[in-house]
Protein backbone atom coordinates (compact mmCIF):
# COMPACT_ATOMS: atom_id res chain seq x y z
CA UNK A 1 -7.16 6.41 -4.16
CA UNK A 2 -4.92 3.28 -3.75
CA UNK A 3 -1.64 2.93 -1.60
CA UNK A 4 0.36 3.37 -4.85
CA UNK A 5 -0.82 6.86 -5.07
CA UNK A 6 1.67 7.71 -2.43
CA UNK A 7 4.40 6.50 -4.49
CA UNK A 8 3.21 8.71 -7.46
CA UNK A 9 3.07 11.80 -5.19
CA UNK A 10 6.52 11.14 -3.90
CA UNK A 11 7.67 10.80 -7.49
CA UNK A 12 6.18 14.12 -8.43
CA UNK A 13 7.69 15.92 -5.33
CA UNK A 14 11.02 14.38 -6.08
CA UNK A 15 10.83 15.51 -9.67
CA UNK A 16 10.26 19.09 -8.51
CA UNK A 17 12.54 19.24 -5.49
CA UNK A 18 15.07 16.56 -6.66
CA UNK A 19 15.82 13.08 -5.41
CA UNK A 20 17.37 14.49 -2.07
CA UNK A 21 13.79 15.10 -1.02
CA UNK A 22 12.59 11.50 -1.53
CA UNK A 23 13.83 9.85 1.64
CA UNK A 24 12.06 12.63 3.65
CA UNK A 25 8.73 12.97 1.89
CA UNK A 26 5.68 12.01 4.06
CA UNK A 27 2.49 11.43 2.17
CA UNK A 28 -0.78 10.91 4.01
CA UNK A 29 -3.64 9.26 2.05
CA UNK A 30 -6.56 9.58 4.56
CA UNK A 31 -8.94 7.41 2.23
CA UNK A 32 -6.79 4.37 2.59
CA UNK A 33 -7.14 2.79 6.03
CA UNK A 34 -4.11 0.43 5.94
CA UNK A 35 -1.17 1.52 3.82
CA UNK A 36 -2.40 5.21 4.03
CA UNK A 37 1.07 6.34 4.90
CA UNK A 38 4.00 6.54 2.57
CA UNK A 39 7.56 7.66 3.73
CA UNK A 40 10.19 8.10 1.05
CA UNK A 41 8.05 6.28 -1.50
CA UNK A 42 7.54 3.26 0.79
CA UNK A 43 4.07 2.33 1.73
CA UNK A 44 3.72 1.87 5.39
CA UNK A 45 1.34 -0.89 6.42
CA UNK A 46 0.34 -2.13 9.86
CA UNK A 47 2.44 -5.21 9.25
CA UNK A 48 5.57 -2.93 8.41
CA UNK A 49 4.87 -0.80 11.51
CA UNK A 50 4.67 -3.85 13.70
CA UNK A 51 1.05 -3.44 14.57
CA UNK A 52 -0.23 -6.63 12.91
C-alpha cells in the first residue's frame, strides 16, 4: 500500500455516502509508517502533524 491509497479509499467512501462525508473520513493505513493517516483525503505526515 502507498499513502495515496488513503485518497482512493476516501474517494470511494465519498462516492457512496456523498461529498459531505469527505471532510470527516478517517483512513488508517497500518502498512505505511509515515503518511499512514488520511483525513478528508489529505495524507497526514509527521511534518504536517508537527512531529518532524
